[in-house]
Amino acid sequence: GSIEFQTNSDKIVGGKSFEILDGVSALLNHNLRIQRIEVSGHTDNRGNHDQNVELSRRRAAAVVAYIVSKGVKAERLESTGFGPDKPIADNKNDKGRQKNRRVEFKITKQAAAE
């Protein structure tokens, strides 16, 4: 599953989106060894490049805000937007563009196991 947004918006939609985010929030609340996570937003290549970068930034920030609302400390999260600059699939067809429209979570700082 993936996190979905209204078209050209940073408003998160769909029950599945919130299920995923609630799961990420619960993981972070229970696993304090994960000290920092980067949330990155990505778009397909349709439309204006700079607007896509800005939209992807806003979407990543919306995801961070949601996770913080679930009790995760804000300093454990950072958000960034790459727009269409890091595709994982071909932008020439709908299936590829859909894959490119995504939010990724990456652990950037983790405490060593005791």
C-alpha atoms as a PDB file:
ATOM      1  CA  GLY A   1       0.000   0.000   0.000  1.00  0.00           C
ATOM      2  CA  SER A   2       0.967   3.589  -0.348  1.00  0.00           C
ATOM      3  CA  ILE A   3       0.034   6.910   1.166  1.00  0.00           C
ATOM      4  CA  GLU A   4      -2.367   8.814  -1.066  1.00  0.00           C
ATOM      5  CA  PHE A   5      -3.166  12.488  -1.366  1.00  0.00           C
ATOM      6  CA  GLN A   6      -5.801  14.575  -3.070  1.00  0.00           C
ATOM      7  CA  THR A   7      -4.639  15.554  -6.567  1.00  0.00           C
ATOM      8  CA  ASN A   8      -2.289  18.570  -6.474  1.00  0.00           C
ATOM      9  CA  SER A   9      -2.738  18.743  -2.696  1.00  0.00           C
ATOM     10  CA  ASP A  10      -0.944  17.792   0.499  1.00  0.00           C
ATOM     11  CA  LYS A  11      -4.201  16.522   2.051  1.00  0.00           C
ATOM     12  CA  ILE A  12      -3.809  12.840   2.989  1.00  0.00           C
ATOM     13  CA  VAL A  13      -6.758  10.677   1.891  1.00  0.00           C
ATOM     14  CA  GLY A  14      -7.895   7.072   2.196  1.00  0.00           C
ATOM     15  CA  GLY A  15      -8.242   4.739   5.144  1.00  0.00           C
ATOM     16  CA  LYS A  16      -5.221   2.747   3.962  1.00  0.00           C
ATOM     17  CA  SER A  17      -3.023   5.868   4.122  1.00  0.00           C
ATOM     18  CA  PHE A  18      -3.912   6.411   7.764  1.00  0.00           C
ATOM     19  CA  GLU A  19      -3.421   2.705   8.576  1.00  0.00           C
ATOM     20  CA  ILE A  20       0.130   2.913   7.203  1.00  0.00           C
ATOM     21  CA  LEU A  21       0.885   6.151   9.061  1.00  0.00           C
ATOM     22  CA  ASP A  22      -0.597   4.818  12.299  1.00  0.00           C
ATOM     23  CA  GLY A  23       1.683   1.780  11.933  1.00  0.00           C
ATOM     24  CA  VAL A  24       4.761   3.955  11.376  1.00  0.00           C
ATOM     25  CA  SER A  25       3.770   6.131  14.362  1.00  0.00           C
ATOM     26  CA  ALA A  26       3.305   3.087  16.606  1.00  0.00           C
ATOM     27  CA  LEU A  27       6.674   1.688  15.519  1.00  0.00           C
ATOM     28  CA  LEU A  28       8.428   4.960  16.344  1.00  0.00           C
ATOM     29  CA  ASN A  29       6.613   5.304  19.669  1.00  0.00           C
ATOM     30  CA  HIS A  30       7.647   1.779  20.692  1.00  0.00           C
ATOM     31  CA  ASN A  31      11.150   1.608  19.202  1.00  0.00           C
ATOM     32  CA  LEU A  32      13.191   4.474  20.591  1.00  0.00           C
ATOM     33  CA  ARG A  33      16.361   2.996  19.057  1.00  0.00           C
ATOM     34  CA  ILE A  34      15.145   4.557  15.814  1.00  0.00           C
ATOM     35  CA  GLN A  35      16.327   8.067  16.611  1.00  0.00           C
ATOM     36  CA  ARG A  36      15.684   9.865  13.336  1.00  0.00           C
ATOM     37  CA  ILE A  37      13.702   9.248  10.183  1.00  0.00           C
ATOM     38  CA  GLU A  38      13.693  11.114   6.896  1.00  0.00           C
ATOM     39  CA  VAL A  39      10.323  11.344   5.168  1.00  0.00           C
ATOM     40  CA  SER A  40      10.737  12.149   1.481  1.00  0.00           C
ATOM     41  CA  GLY A  41       8.045  13.067  -1.003  1.00  0.00           C
ATOM     42  CA  HIS A  42       8.225  12.208  -4.707  1.00  0.00           C
ATOM     43  CA  THR A  43       6.092  12.996  -7.756  1.00  0.00           C
ATOM     44  CA  ASP A  44       5.887  11.856 -11.357  1.00  0.00           C
ATOM     45  CA  ASN A  45       7.283  14.066 -14.113  1.00  0.00           C
ATOM     46  CA  ARG A  46       4.020  15.594 -15.312  1.00  0.00           C
ATOM     47  CA  GLY A  47       3.562  19.327 -14.818  1.00  0.00           C
ATOM     48  CA  ASN A  48       5.917  22.059 -13.700  1.00  0.00           C
ATOM     49  CA  HIS A  49       9.156  20.816 -12.123  1.00  0.00           C
ATOM     50  CA  ASP A  50       9.416  23.452  -9.379  1.00  0.00           C
ATOM     51  CA  GLN A  51       5.750  23.090  -8.453  1.00  0.00           C
ATOM     52  CA  ASN A  52       6.228  19.308  -8.211  1.00  0.00           C
ATOM     53  CA  VAL A  53       9.214  19.756  -5.889  1.00  0.00           C
ATOM     54  CA  GLU A  54       7.182  22.131  -3.716  1.00  0.00           C
ATOM     55  CA  LEU A  55       4.183  19.744  -3.702  1.00  0.00           C
ATOM     56  CA  SER A  56       6.410  16.815  -2.699  1.00  0.00           C
ATOM     57  CA  ARG A  57       7.889  18.927   0.140  1.00  0.00           C
ATOM     58  CA  ARG A  58       4.421  19.834   1.413  1.00  0.00           C
ATOM     59  CA  ARG A  59       3.275  16.208   1.250  1.00  0.00           C
ATOM     60  CA  ALA A  60       6.290  14.966   3.215  1.00  0.00           C
ATOM     61  CA  ALA A  61       5.691  17.727   5.781  1.00  0.00           C
ATOM     62  CA  ALA A  62       2.020  16.673   6.062  1.00  0.00           C
ATOM     63  CA  VAL A  63       3.105  13.091   6.784  1.00  0.00           C
ATOM     64  CA  VAL A  64       5.533  14.330   9.468  1.00  0.00           C
ATOM     65  CA  ALA A  65       2.789  16.484  11.030  1.00  0.00           C
ATOM     66  CA  TYR A  66       0.448  13.491  11.173  1.00  0.00           C
ATOM     67  CA  ILE A  67       3.079  11.276  12.838  1.00  0.00           C
ATOM     68  CA  VAL A  68       3.886  14.041  15.362  1.00  0.00           C
ATOM     69  CA  SER A  69       0.149  14.278  16.134  1.00  0.00           C
ATOM     70  CA  LYS A  70       0.389  10.607  17.206  1.00  0.00           C
ATOM     71  CA  GLY A  71       2.928  11.413  19.913  1.00  0.00           C
ATOM     72  CA  VAL A  72       6.272  11.061  18.108  1.00  0.00           C
ATOM     73  CA  LYS A  73       8.704  13.863  18.984  1.00  0.00           C
ATOM     74  CA  ALA A  74       9.173  16.254  16.053  1.00  0.00           C
ATOM     75  CA  GLU A  75      12.970  16.223  16.374  1.00  0.00           C
ATOM     76  CA  ARG A  76      12.977  12.535  15.398  1.00  0.00           C
ATOM     77  CA  LEU A  77      11.555  13.392  11.965  1.00  0.00           C
ATOM     78  CA  GLU A  78      12.728  15.410   9.013  1.00  0.00           C
ATOM     79  CA  SER A  79      10.940  15.948   5.734  1.00  0.00           C
ATOM     80  CA  THR A  80      12.194  16.701   2.269  1.00  0.00           C
ATOM     81  CA  GLY A  81      10.771  16.780  -1.241  1.00  0.00           C
ATOM     82  CA  PHE A  82      12.468  15.616  -4.412  1.00  0.00           C
ATOM     83  CA  GLY A  83       9.624  16.177  -6.880  1.00  0.00           C
ATOM     84  CA  PRO A  84      10.289  14.093 -10.024  1.00  0.00           C
ATOM     85  CA  ASP A  85      14.085  13.946  -9.575  1.00  0.00           C
ATOM     86  CA  LYS A  86      14.352  10.402  -8.126  1.00  0.00           C
ATOM     87  CA  PRO A  87      11.999   8.166 -10.145  1.00  0.00           C
ATOM     88  CA  ILE A  88      11.848   4.446  -9.352  1.00  0.00           C
ATOM     89  CA  ALA A  89       9.843   3.564 -12.490  1.00  0.00           C
ATOM     90  CA  ASP A  90       9.272   4.743 -16.064  1.00  0.00           C
ATOM     91  CA  ASN A  91       7.293   7.991 -16.317  1.00  0.00           C
ATOM     92  CA  LYS A  92       6.104   7.028 -19.845  1.00  0.00           C
ATOM     93  CA  ASN A  93       3.059   5.101 -18.588  1.00  0.00           C
ATOM     94  CA  ASP A  94       0.416   5.382 -15.856  1.00  0.00           C
ATOM     95  CA  LYS A  95       1.716   2.409 -13.870  1.00  0.00           C
ATOM     96  CA  GLY A  96       5.223   3.879 -13.719  1.00  0.00           C
ATOM     97  CA  ARG A  97       3.983   7.365 -12.864  1.00  0.00           C
ATOM     98  CA  GLN A  98       1.859   5.919 -10.072  1.00  0.00           C
ATOM     99  CA  LYS A  99       4.929   4.202  -8.581  1.00  0.00           C
ATOM    100  CA  ASN A 100       6.868   7.456  -8.778  1.00  0.00           C
ATOM    101  CA  ARG A 101       4.198   9.306  -6.769  1.00  0.00           C
ATOM    102  CA  ARG A 102       5.223   8.126  -3.332  1.00  0.00           C
ATOM    103  CA  VAL A 103       6.396   8.907   0.175  1.00  0.00           C
ATOM    104  CA  GLU A 104       9.464   7.075   1.457  1.00  0.00           C
ATOM    105  CA  PHE A 105      10.677   6.553   5.022  1.00  0.00           C
ATOM    106  CA  LYS A 106      14.394   6.165   5.687  1.00  0.00           C
ATOM    107  CA  ILE A 107      16.061   5.641   9.052  1.00  0.00           C
ATOM    108  CA  THR A 108      18.904   8.167   9.206  1.00  0.00           C
ATOM    109  CA  LYS A 109      19.984   7.667  12.825  1.00  0.00           C
ATOM    110  CA  GLN A 110      19.685   4.566  14.962  1.00  0.00           C
ATOM    111  CA  ALA A 111      21.058   3.709  18.399  1.00  0.00           C
ATOM    112  CA  ALA A 112      23.264   0.654  18.643  1.00  0.00           C
ATOM    113  CA  ALA A 113      21.695  -2.503  20.058  1.00  0.00           C
ATOM    114  CA  GLU A 114      22.547  -3.024  23.708  1.00  0.00           C
END
